[in-house]
Amino acid sequence: MTTETNPGNQTTTGADAVDEAIAQGIDFDGSPIPPAKLELYRQVMGLEGNRQRSGVSNTMRSRIVRIGAKHIAQAELDQLLVNADFAPLKEKEIAFYYAGK
């Protein structure tokens, strides 16, 4: 299995690629991420890190929908959710993720 890399040998594929780049403070093209952007990102992520969670299943479903909509057709994703005993796509999710596709 191959992975895509940038000129600085930084992996640009996979779920952790962006987090690793942020931690290093270097974008995929090798340029430094401006300190103001890093600070704002860390500030907002700190707020998110302190937010009470509603449950693992809810978070899993949200991530599946958010990411799955980029890669899987609406009808197929809806069926996959149902098959896995998650709630089917909601009208607002369909409108947000699939409108204009």
PDB file of N, CA and C in Angstrom:
ATOM      1  N   MET A   1       0.840  -1.170   0.000  1.00  0.00           N
ATOM      2  CA  MET A   1       0.000   0.000   0.000  1.00  0.00           C
ATOM      3  C   MET A   1       0.890   1.239   0.000  1.00  0.00           C
ATOM      4  N   THR A   2       0.602   2.178  -0.872  1.00  0.00           N
ATOM      5  CA  THR A   2       1.407   3.390  -0.943  1.00  0.00           C
ATOM      6  C   THR A   2       0.660   4.539  -0.302  1.00  0.00           C
ATOM      7  N   THR A   3       1.404   5.534   0.141  1.00  0.00           N
ATOM      8  CA  THR A   3       0.800   6.739   0.685  1.00  0.00           C
ATOM      9  C   THR A   3       1.327   7.925  -0.092  1.00  0.00           C
ATOM     10  N   GLU A   4       0.486   8.926  -0.197  1.00  0.00           N
ATOM     11  CA  GLU A   4       0.877  10.158  -0.882  1.00  0.00           C
ATOM     12  C   GLU A   4       1.703  10.989   0.079  1.00  0.00           C
ATOM     13  N   THR A   5       2.781  11.561  -0.429  1.00  0.00           N
ATOM     14  CA  THR A   5       3.606  12.409   0.428  1.00  0.00           C
ATOM     15  C   THR A   5       3.885  13.728  -0.262  1.00  0.00           C
ATOM     16  N   ASN A   6       4.259  14.703   0.531  1.00  0.00           N
ATOM     17  CA  ASN A   6       4.619  15.997  -0.028  1.00  0.00           C
ATOM     18  C   ASN A   6       6.131  16.045  -0.192  1.00  0.00           C
ATOM     19  N   PRO A   7       6.646  17.140  -0.706  1.00  0.00           N
ATOM     20  CA  PRO A   7       8.094  17.211  -0.899  1.00  0.00           C
ATOM     21  C   PRO A   7       8.907  17.034   0.376  1.00  0.00           C
ATOM     22  N   GLY A   8       8.341  17.342   1.539  1.00  0.00           N
ATOM     23  CA  GLY A   8       9.063  17.200   2.795  1.00  0.00           C
ATOM     24  C   GLY A   8       8.873  15.833   3.432  1.00  0.00           C
ATOM     25  N   ASN A   9       8.421  14.842   2.665  1.00  0.00           N
ATOM     26  CA  ASN A   9       8.167  13.483   3.134  1.00  0.00           C
ATOM     27  C   ASN A   9       7.086  13.403   4.205  1.00  0.00           C
ATOM     28  N   GLN A  10       6.202  14.348   4.252  1.00  0.00           N
ATOM     29  CA  GLN A  10       5.094  14.340   5.191  1.00  0.00           C
ATOM     30  C   GLN A  10       3.934  13.614   4.524  1.00  0.00           C
ATOM     31  N   THR A  11       3.337  12.645   5.206  1.00  0.00           N
ATOM     32  CA  THR A  11       2.204  11.920   4.654  1.00  0.00           C
ATOM     33  C   THR A  11       1.012  12.848   4.539  1.00  0.00           C
ATOM     34  N   THR A  12       0.340  12.828   3.387  1.00  0.00           N
ATOM     35  CA  THR A  12      -0.828  13.676   3.168  1.00  0.00           C
ATOM     36  C   THR A  12      -2.105  12.865   3.029  1.00  0.00           C
ATOM     37  N   THR A  13      -2.046  11.592   3.373  1.00  0.00           N
ATOM     38  CA  THR A  13      -3.242  10.757   3.332  1.00  0.00           C
ATOM     39  C   THR A  13      -3.485  10.165   4.712  1.00  0.00           C
ATOM     40  N   GLY A  14      -4.700   9.748   4.923  1.00  0.00           N
ATOM     41  CA  GLY A  14      -5.052   9.128   6.187  1.00  0.00           C
ATOM     42  C   GLY A  14      -5.676  10.105   7.156  1.00  0.00           C
ATOM     43  N   ALA A  15      -6.345   9.536   8.134  1.00  0.00           N
ATOM     44  CA  ALA A  15      -7.115  10.335   9.082  1.00  0.00           C
ATOM     45  C   ALA A  15      -6.262  11.257   9.940  1.00  0.00           C
ATOM     46  N   ASP A  16      -5.022  10.903  10.189  1.00  0.00           N
ATOM     47  CA  ASP A  16      -4.183  11.699  11.085  1.00  0.00           C
ATOM     48  C   ASP A  16      -3.254  12.679  10.377  1.00  0.00           C
ATOM     49  N   ALA A  17      -3.256  12.708   9.057  1.00  0.00           N
ATOM     50  CA  ALA A  17      -2.305  13.530   8.312  1.00  0.00           C
ATOM     51  C   ALA A  17      -2.404  15.011   8.667  1.00  0.00           C
ATOM     52  N   VAL A  18      -3.620  15.531   8.735  1.00  0.00           N
ATOM     53  CA  VAL A  18      -3.795  16.950   9.045  1.00  0.00           C
ATOM     54  C   VAL A  18      -3.362  17.239  10.475  1.00  0.00           C
ATOM     55  N   ASP A  19      -3.739  16.363  11.408  1.00  0.00           N
ATOM     56  CA  ASP A  19      -3.341  16.572  12.808  1.00  0.00           C
ATOM     57  C   ASP A  19      -1.825  16.570  12.956  1.00  0.00           C
ATOM     58  N   GLU A  20      -1.163  15.680  12.249  1.00  0.00           N
ATOM     59  CA  GLU A  20       0.300  15.628  12.312  1.00  0.00           C
ATOM     60  C   GLU A  20       0.923  16.901  11.746  1.00  0.00           C
ATOM     61  N   ALA A  21       0.369  17.383  10.647  1.00  0.00           N
ATOM     62  CA  ALA A  21       0.881  18.615  10.041  1.00  0.00           C
ATOM     63  C   ALA A  21       0.682  19.804  10.985  1.00  0.00           C
ATOM     64  N   ILE A  22      -0.484  19.874  11.620  1.00  0.00           N
ATOM     65  CA  ILE A  22      -0.753  20.961  12.563  1.00  0.00           C
ATOM     66  C   ILE A  22       0.224  20.889  13.728  1.00  0.00           C
ATOM     67  N   ALA A  23       0.434  19.695  14.268  1.00  0.00           N
ATOM     68  CA  ALA A  23       1.361  19.532  15.396  1.00  0.00           C
ATOM     69  C   ALA A  23       2.766  19.996  15.030  1.00  0.00           C
ATOM     70  N   GLN A  24       3.161  19.780  13.767  1.00  0.00           N
ATOM     71  CA  GLN A  24       4.482  20.210  13.299  1.00  0.00           C
ATOM     72  C   GLN A  24       4.492  21.679  12.896  1.00  0.00           C
ATOM     73  N   GLY A  25       3.293  22.245  12.681  1.00  0.00           N
ATOM     74  CA  GLY A  25       3.193  23.637  12.256  1.00  0.00           C
ATOM     75  C   GLY A  25       3.619  23.851  10.818  1.00  0.00           C
ATOM     76  N   ILE A  26       3.531  22.784  10.003  1.00  0.00           N
ATOM     77  CA  ILE A  26       3.972  22.860   8.608  1.00  0.00           C
ATOM     78  C   ILE A  26       2.883  22.310   7.702  1.00  0.00           C
ATOM     79  N   ASP A  27       2.491  23.092   6.699  1.00  0.00           N
ATOM     80  CA  ASP A  27       1.473  22.679   5.738  1.00  0.00           C
ATOM     81  C   ASP A  27       2.041  21.612   4.816  1.00  0.00           C
ATOM     82  N   PHE A  28       1.160  20.939   4.057  1.00  0.00           N
ATOM     83  CA  PHE A  28       1.590  19.862   3.167  1.00  0.00           C
ATOM     84  C   PHE A  28       2.559  20.327   2.082  1.00  0.00           C
ATOM     85  N   ASP A  29       2.502  21.607   1.733  1.00  0.00           N
ATOM     86  CA  ASP A  29       3.418  22.110   0.706  1.00  0.00           C
ATOM     87  C   ASP A  29       4.776  22.495   1.292  1.00  0.00           C
ATOM     88  N   GLY A  30       4.956  22.277   2.599  1.00  0.00           N
ATOM     89  CA  GLY A  30       6.222  22.577   3.252  1.00  0.00           C
ATOM     90  C   GLY A  30       6.296  23.958   3.874  1.00  0.00           C
ATOM     91  N   SER A  31       5.302  24.783   3.630  1.00  0.00           N
ATOM     92  CA  SER A  31       5.323  26.138   4.190  1.00  0.00           C
ATOM     93  C   SER A  31       4.851  26.118   5.646  1.00  0.00           C
ATOM     94  N   PRO A  32       5.387  27.037   6.443  1.00  0.00           N
ATOM     95  CA  PRO A  32       4.956  27.092   7.842  1.00  0.00           C
ATOM     96  C   PRO A  32       3.510  27.589   7.943  1.00  0.00           C
ATOM     97  N   ILE A  33       2.781  27.040   8.890  1.00  0.00           N
ATOM     98  CA  ILE A  33       1.423  27.519   9.166  1.00  0.00           C
ATOM     99  C   ILE A  33       1.583  28.768  10.035  1.00  0.00           C
ATOM    100  N   PRO A  34       0.965  29.890   9.645  1.00  0.00           N
ATOM    101  CA  PRO A  34       1.121  31.129  10.413  1.00  0.00           C
ATOM    102  C   PRO A  34       0.697  30.947  11.878  1.00  0.00           C
ATOM    103  N   PRO A  35       1.478  31.526  12.798  1.00  0.00           N
ATOM    104  CA  PRO A  35       1.184  31.380  14.226  1.00  0.00           C
ATOM    105  C   PRO A  35      -0.243  31.784  14.611  1.00  0.00           C
ATOM    106  N   ALA A  36      -0.783  32.825  14.004  1.00  0.00           N
ATOM    107  CA  ALA A  36      -2.143  33.264  14.345  1.00  0.00           C
ATOM    108  C   ALA A  36      -3.164  32.175  13.997  1.00  0.00           C
ATOM    109  N   LYS A  37      -2.962  31.486  12.883  1.00  0.00           N
ATOM    110  CA  LYS A  37      -3.869  30.398  12.507  1.00  0.00           C
ATOM    111  C   LYS A  37      -3.741  29.228  13.478  1.00  0.00           C
ATOM    112  N   LEU A  38      -2.521  28.889  13.838  1.00  0.00           N
ATOM    113  CA  LEU A  38      -2.306  27.804  14.795  1.00  0.00           C
ATOM    114  C   LEU A  38      -2.931  28.132  16.146  1.00  0.00           C
ATOM    115  N   GLU A  39      -2.755  29.359  16.608  1.00  0.00           N
ATOM    116  CA  GLU A  39      -3.296  29.761  17.909  1.00  0.00           C
ATOM    117  C   GLU A  39      -4.818  29.697  17.911  1.00  0.00           C
ATOM    118  N   LEU A  40      -5.453  30.221  16.870  1.00  0.00           N
ATOM    119  CA  LEU A  40      -6.915  30.171  16.788  1.00  0.00           C
ATOM    120  C   LEU A  40      -7.397  28.732  16.746  1.00  0.00           C
ATOM    121  N   TYR A  41      -6.744  27.895  15.951  1.00  0.00           N
ATOM    122  CA  TYR A  41      -7.114  26.484  15.865  1.00  0.00           C
ATOM    123  C   TYR A  41      -7.017  25.829  17.247  1.00  0.00           C
ATOM    124  N   ARG A  42      -5.921  26.054  17.936  1.00  0.00           N
ATOM    125  CA  ARG A  42      -5.725  25.444  19.255  1.00  0.00           C
ATOM    126  C   ARG A  42      -6.747  25.957  20.260  1.00  0.00           C
ATOM    127  N   GLN A  43      -7.079  27.235  20.168  1.00  0.00           N
ATOM    128  CA  GLN A  43      -8.077  27.817  21.064  1.00  0.00           C
ATOM    129  C   GLN A  43      -9.435  27.146  20.867  1.00  0.00           C
ATOM    130  N   VAL A  44      -9.854  27.027  19.604  1.00  0.00           N
ATOM    131  CA  VAL A  44     -11.159  26.424  19.311  1.00  0.00           C
ATOM    132  C   VAL A  44     -11.166  24.933  19.658  1.00  0.00           C
ATOM    133  N   MET A  45     -10.077  24.235  19.355  1.00  0.00           N
ATOM    134  CA  MET A  45     -10.008  22.812  19.685  1.00  0.00           C
ATOM    135  C   MET A  45      -9.994  22.591  21.194  1.00  0.00           C
ATOM    136  N   GLY A  46      -9.428  23.534  21.934  1.00  0.00           N
ATOM    137  CA  GLY A  46      -9.467  23.458  23.389  1.00  0.00           C
ATOM    138  C   GLY A  46     -10.889  23.565  23.910  1.00  0.00           C
ATOM    139  N   LEU A  47     -11.657  24.462  23.319  1.00  0.00           N
ATOM    140  CA  LEU A  47     -13.071  24.582  23.691  1.00  0.00           C
ATOM    141  C   LEU A  47     -13.819  23.291  23.372  1.00  0.00           C
ATOM    142  N   GLU A  48     -13.571  22.747  22.212  1.00  0.00           N
ATOM    143  CA  GLU A  48     -14.227  21.495  21.802  1.00  0.00           C
ATOM    144  C   GLU A  48     -13.819  20.346  22.718  1.00  0.00           C
ATOM    145  N   GLY A  49     -12.560  20.344  23.130  1.00  0.00           N
ATOM    146  CA  GLY A  49     -12.078  19.284  24.008  1.00  0.00           C
ATOM    147  C   GLY A  49     -12.751  19.276  25.365  1.00  0.00           C
ATOM    148  N   ASN A  50     -13.278  20.415  25.764  1.00  0.00           N
ATOM    149  CA  ASN A  50     -13.959  20.518  27.058  1.00  0.00           C
ATOM    150  C   ASN A  50     -15.467  20.312  26.966  1.00  0.00           C
ATOM    151  N   ARG A  51     -15.992  20.103  25.763  1.00  0.00           N
ATOM    152  CA  ARG A  51     -17.437  19.946  25.578  1.00  0.00           C
ATOM    153  C   ARG A  51     -17.877  18.548  26.002  1.00  0.00           C
ATOM    154  N   GLN A  52     -18.974  18.486  26.743  1.00  0.00           N
ATOM    155  CA  GLN A  52     -19.546  17.208  27.150  1.00  0.00           C
ATOM    156  C   GLN A  52     -20.064  16.461  25.924  1.00  0.00           C
ATOM    157  N   ARG A  53     -19.763  15.209  25.829  1.00  0.00           N
ATOM    158  CA  ARG A  53     -20.185  14.390  24.698  1.00  0.00           C
ATOM    159  C   ARG A  53     -21.506  13.688  25.002  1.00  0.00           C
ATOM    160  N   SER A  54     -22.287  13.431  23.949  1.00  0.00           N
ATOM    161  CA  SER A  54     -23.595  12.807  24.127  1.00  0.00           C
ATOM    162  C   SER A  54     -23.538  11.293  24.011  1.00  0.00           C
ATOM    163  N   GLY A  55     -22.505  10.753  23.466  1.00  0.00           N
ATOM    164  CA  GLY A  55     -22.384   9.308  23.345  1.00  0.00           C
ATOM    165  C   GLY A  55     -21.510   8.931  22.167  1.00  0.00           C
ATOM    166  N   VAL A  56     -20.877   7.795  22.280  1.00  0.00           N
ATOM    167  CA  VAL A  56     -19.958   7.341  21.243  1.00  0.00           C
ATOM    168  C   VAL A  56     -20.713   7.010  19.963  1.00  0.00           C
ATOM    169  N   SER A  57     -21.847   6.338  20.070  1.00  0.00           N
ATOM    170  CA  SER A  57     -22.613   5.969  18.873  1.00  0.00           C
ATOM    171  C   SER A  57     -23.030   7.200  18.075  1.00  0.00           C
ATOM    172  N   ASN A  58     -23.484   8.248  18.781  1.00  0.00           N
ATOM    173  CA  ASN A  58     -23.889   9.482  18.086  1.00  0.00           C
ATOM    174  C   ASN A  58     -22.699  10.094  17.343  1.00  0.00           C
ATOM    175  N   THR A  59     -21.547  10.107  17.993  1.00  0.00           N
ATOM    176  CA  THR A  59     -20.354  10.678  17.372  1.00  0.00           C
ATOM    177  C   THR A  59     -19.913   9.832  16.189  1.00  0.00           C
ATOM    178  N   MET A  60     -19.956   8.511  16.344  1.00  0.00           N
ATOM    179  CA  MET A  60     -19.590   7.627  15.230  1.00  0.00           C
ATOM    180  C   MET A  60     -20.482   7.895  14.025  1.00  0.00           C
ATOM    181  N   ARG A  61     -21.791   7.979  14.253  1.00  0.00           N
ATOM    182  CA  ARG A  61     -22.720   8.200  13.154  1.00  0.00           C
ATOM    183  C   ARG A  61     -22.446   9.546  12.485  1.00  0.00           C
ATOM    184  N   SER A  62     -22.214  10.578  13.285  1.00  0.00           N
ATOM    185  CA  SER A  62     -21.920  11.905  12.724  1.00  0.00           C
ATOM    186  C   SER A  62     -20.682  11.875  11.834  1.00  0.00           C
ATOM    187  N   ARG A  63     -19.646  11.199  12.300  1.00  0.00           N
ATOM    188  CA  ARG A  63     -18.420  11.106  11.500  1.00  0.00           C
ATOM    189  C   ARG A  63     -18.646  10.288  10.234  1.00  0.00           C
ATOM    190  N   ILE A  64     -19.384   9.206  10.361  1.00  0.00           N
ATOM    191  CA  ILE A  64     -19.682   8.378   9.186  1.00  0.00           C
ATOM    192  C   ILE A  64     -20.416   9.201   8.135  1.00  0.00           C
ATOM    193  N   VAL A  65     -21.411   9.971   8.562  1.00  0.00           N
ATOM    194  CA  VAL A  65     -22.183  10.786   7.613  1.00  0.00           C
ATOM    195  C   VAL A  65     -21.309  11.875   7.009  1.00  0.00           C
ATOM    196  N   ARG A  66     -20.591  12.604   7.864  1.00  0.00           N
ATOM    197  CA  ARG A  66     -19.777  13.735   7.380  1.00  0.00           C
ATOM    198  C   ARG A  66     -18.716  13.284   6.386  1.00  0.00           C
ATOM    199  N   ILE A  67     -18.030  12.207   6.701  1.00  0.00           N
ATOM    200  CA  ILE A  67     -16.949  11.733   5.834  1.00  0.00           C
ATOM    201  C   ILE A  67     -17.489  10.846   4.718  1.00  0.00           C
ATOM    202  N   GLY A  68     -18.451  10.008   5.054  1.00  0.00           N
ATOM    203  CA  GLY A  68     -19.020   9.099   4.059  1.00  0.00           C
ATOM    204  C   GLY A  68     -19.667   9.826   2.893  1.00  0.00           C
ATOM    205  N   ALA A  69     -20.287  10.976   3.175  1.00  0.00           N
ATOM    206  CA  ALA A  69     -20.952  11.736   2.110  1.00  0.00           C
ATOM    207  C   ALA A  69     -19.969  12.211   1.048  1.00  0.00           C
ATOM    208  N   LYS A  70     -18.703  12.312   1.393  1.00  0.00           N
ATOM    209  CA  LYS A  70     -17.687  12.726   0.421  1.00  0.00           C
ATOM    210  C   LYS A  70     -17.333  11.591  -0.538  1.00  0.00           C
ATOM    211  N   HIS A  71     -17.597  10.362  -0.127  1.00  0.00           N
ATOM    212  CA  HIS A  71     -17.118   9.207  -0.875  1.00  0.00           C
ATOM    213  C   HIS A  71     -18.208   8.239  -1.334  1.00  0.00           C
ATOM    214  N   ILE A  72     -19.390   8.305  -0.727  1.00  0.00           N
ATOM    215  CA  ILE A  72     -20.425   7.303  -0.962  1.00  0.00           C
ATOM    216  C   ILE A  72     -21.710   7.990  -1.414  1.00  0.00           C
ATOM    217  N   ALA A  73     -22.353   7.426  -2.413  1.00  0.00           N
ATOM    218  CA  ALA A  73     -23.614   7.967  -2.914  1.00  0.00           C
ATOM    219  C   ALA A  73     -24.673   7.949  -1.810  1.00  0.00           C
ATOM    220  N   GLN A  74     -25.605   8.876  -1.890  1.00  0.00           N
ATOM    221  CA  GLN A  74     -26.619   9.060  -0.850  1.00  0.00           C
ATOM    222  C   GLN A  74     -27.381   7.774  -0.535  1.00  0.00           C
ATOM    223  N   ALA A  75     -27.935   7.134  -1.549  1.00  0.00           N
ATOM    224  CA  ALA A  75     -28.736   5.925  -1.315  1.00  0.00           C
ATOM    225  C   ALA A  75     -27.897   4.816  -0.677  1.00  0.00           C
ATOM    226  N   GLU A  76     -26.660   4.686  -1.120  1.00  0.00           N
ATOM    227  CA  GLU A  76     -25.786   3.651  -0.568  1.00  0.00           C
ATOM    228  C   GLU A  76     -25.423   3.955   0.886  1.00  0.00           C
ATOM    229  N   LEU A  77     -25.069   5.205   1.183  1.00  0.00           N
ATOM    230  CA  LEU A  77     -24.736   5.564   2.554  1.00  0.00           C
ATOM    231  C   LEU A  77     -25.945   5.367   3.460  1.00  0.00           C
ATOM    232  N   ASP A  78     -27.109   5.762   2.998  1.00  0.00           N
ATOM    233  CA  ASP A  78     -28.330   5.581   3.776  1.00  0.00           C
ATOM    234  C   ASP A  78     -28.541   4.104   4.110  1.00  0.00           C
ATOM    235  N   GLN A  79     -28.378   3.238   3.122  1.00  0.00           N
ATOM    236  CA  GLN A  79     -28.558   1.800   3.348  1.00  0.00           C
ATOM    237  C   GLN A  79     -27.482   1.240   4.279  1.00  0.00           C
ATOM    238  N   LEU A  80     -26.253   1.701   4.123  1.00  0.00           N
ATOM    239  CA  LEU A  80     -25.173   1.251   5.005  1.00  0.00           C
ATOM    240  C   LEU A  80     -25.454   1.632   6.462  1.00  0.00           C
ATOM    241  N   LEU A  81     -25.966   2.832   6.676  1.00  0.00           N
ATOM    242  CA  LEU A  81     -26.325   3.261   8.028  1.00  0.00           C
ATOM    243  C   LEU A  81     -27.398   2.353   8.621  1.00  0.00           C
ATOM    244  N   VAL A  82     -28.437   2.108   7.839  1.00  0.00           N
ATOM    245  CA  VAL A  82     -29.532   1.252   8.309  1.00  0.00           C
ATOM    246  C   VAL A  82     -29.025  -0.156   8.590  1.00  0.00           C
ATOM    247  N   ASN A  83     -28.201  -0.693   7.690  1.00  0.00           N
ATOM    248  CA  ASN A  83     -27.654  -2.040   7.874  1.00  0.00           C
ATOM    249  C   ASN A  83     -26.821  -2.159   9.151  1.00  0.00           C
ATOM    250  N   ALA A  84     -26.182  -1.065   9.548  1.00  0.00           N
ATOM    251  CA  ALA A  84     -25.346  -1.061  10.752  1.00  0.00           C
ATOM    252  C   ALA A  84     -26.144  -0.655  11.996  1.00  0.00           C
ATOM    253  N   ASP A  85     -27.464  -0.545  11.848  1.00  0.00           N
ATOM    254  CA  ASP A  85     -28.362  -0.203  12.953  1.00  0.00           C
ATOM    255  C   ASP A  85     -28.185   1.231  13.447  1.00  0.00           C
ATOM    256  N   PHE A  86     -27.791   2.125  12.526  1.00  0.00           N
ATOM    257  CA  PHE A  86     -27.799   3.554  12.800  1.00  0.00           C
ATOM    258  C   PHE A  86     -29.072   4.131  12.191  1.00  0.00           C
ATOM    259  N   ALA A  87     -29.447   5.320  12.623  1.00  0.00           N
ATOM    260  CA  ALA A  87     -30.581   6.018  12.012  1.00  0.00           C
ATOM    261  C   ALA A  87     -30.227   6.349  10.563  1.00  0.00           C
ATOM    262  N   PRO A  88     -31.219   6.293   9.669  1.00  0.00           N
ATOM    263  CA  PRO A  88     -30.956   6.662   8.276  1.00  0.00           C
ATOM    264  C   PRO A  88     -30.631   8.151   8.170  1.00  0.00           C
ATOM    265  N   LEU A  89     -30.203   8.570   6.990  1.00  0.00           N
ATOM    266  CA  LEU A  89     -29.899   9.981   6.764  1.00  0.00           C
ATOM    267  C   LEU A  89     -31.127  10.840   7.049  1.00  0.00           C
ATOM    268  N   LYS A  90     -30.888  11.968   7.695  1.00  0.00           N
ATOM    269  CA  LYS A  90     -31.954  12.923   7.991  1.00  0.00           C
ATOM    270  C   LYS A  90     -32.073  13.879   6.812  1.00  0.00           C
ATOM    271  N   GLU A  91     -33.241  14.473   6.656  1.00  0.00           N
ATOM    272  CA  GLU A  91     -33.465  15.415   5.548  1.00  0.00           C
ATOM    273  C   GLU A  91     -32.434  16.545   5.559  1.00  0.00           C
ATOM    274  N   LYS A  92     -32.105  17.074   6.739  1.00  0.00           N
ATOM    275  CA  LYS A  92     -31.140  18.182   6.801  1.00  0.00           C
ATOM    276  C   LYS A  92     -29.740  17.717   6.402  1.00  0.00           C
ATOM    277  N   GLU A  93     -29.391  16.459   6.684  1.00  0.00           N
ATOM    278  CA  GLU A  93     -28.094  15.923   6.263  1.00  0.00           C
ATOM    279  C   GLU A  93     -28.059  15.759   4.750  1.00  0.00           C
ATOM    280  N   ILE A  94     -29.142  15.259   4.200  1.00  0.00           N
ATOM    281  CA  ILE A  94     -29.233  15.099   2.743  1.00  0.00           C
ATOM    282  C   ILE A  94     -29.109  16.455   2.065  1.00  0.00           C
ATOM    283  N   ALA A  95     -29.836  17.445   2.588  1.00  0.00           N
ATOM    284  CA  ALA A  95     -29.782  18.783   2.001  1.00  0.00           C
ATOM    285  C   ALA A  95     -28.385  19.376   2.109  1.00  0.00           C
ATOM    286  N   PHE A  96     -27.727  19.190   3.229  1.00  0.00           N
ATOM    287  CA  PHE A  96     -26.403  19.776   3.432  1.00  0.00           C
ATOM    288  C   PHE A  96     -25.323  19.067   2.627  1.00  0.00           C
ATOM    289  N   TYR A  97     -25.288  17.734   2.708  1.00  0.00           N
ATOM    290  CA  TYR A  97     -24.188  16.985   2.112  1.00  0.00           C
ATOM    291  C   TYR A  97     -24.415  16.602   0.647  1.00  0.00           C
ATOM    292  N   TYR A  98     -25.661  16.484   0.229  1.00  0.00           N
ATOM    293  CA  TYR A  98     -25.898  15.980  -1.119  1.00  0.00           C
ATOM    294  C   TYR A  98     -26.562  16.987  -2.052  1.00  0.00           C
ATOM    295  N   ALA A  99     -26.965  18.130  -1.578  1.00  0.00           N
ATOM    296  CA  ALA A  99     -27.556  19.141  -2.458  1.00  0.00           C
ATOM    297  C   ALA A  99     -26.507  19.587  -3.479  1.00  0.00           C
ATOM    298  N   GLY A 100     -26.875  19.610  -4.707  1.00  0.00           N
ATOM    299  CA  GLY A 100     -25.954  20.046  -5.750  1.00  0.00           C
ATOM    300  C   GLY A 100     -25.042  18.975  -6.272  1.00  0.00           C
ATOM    301  N   LYS A 101     -25.173  17.749  -5.790  1.00  0.00           N
ATOM    302  CA  LYS A 101     -24.325  16.656  -6.303  1.00  0.00           C
ATOM    303  C   LYS A 101     -25.010  15.966  -7.444  1.00  0.00           C
TER     304      LYS A 101
END
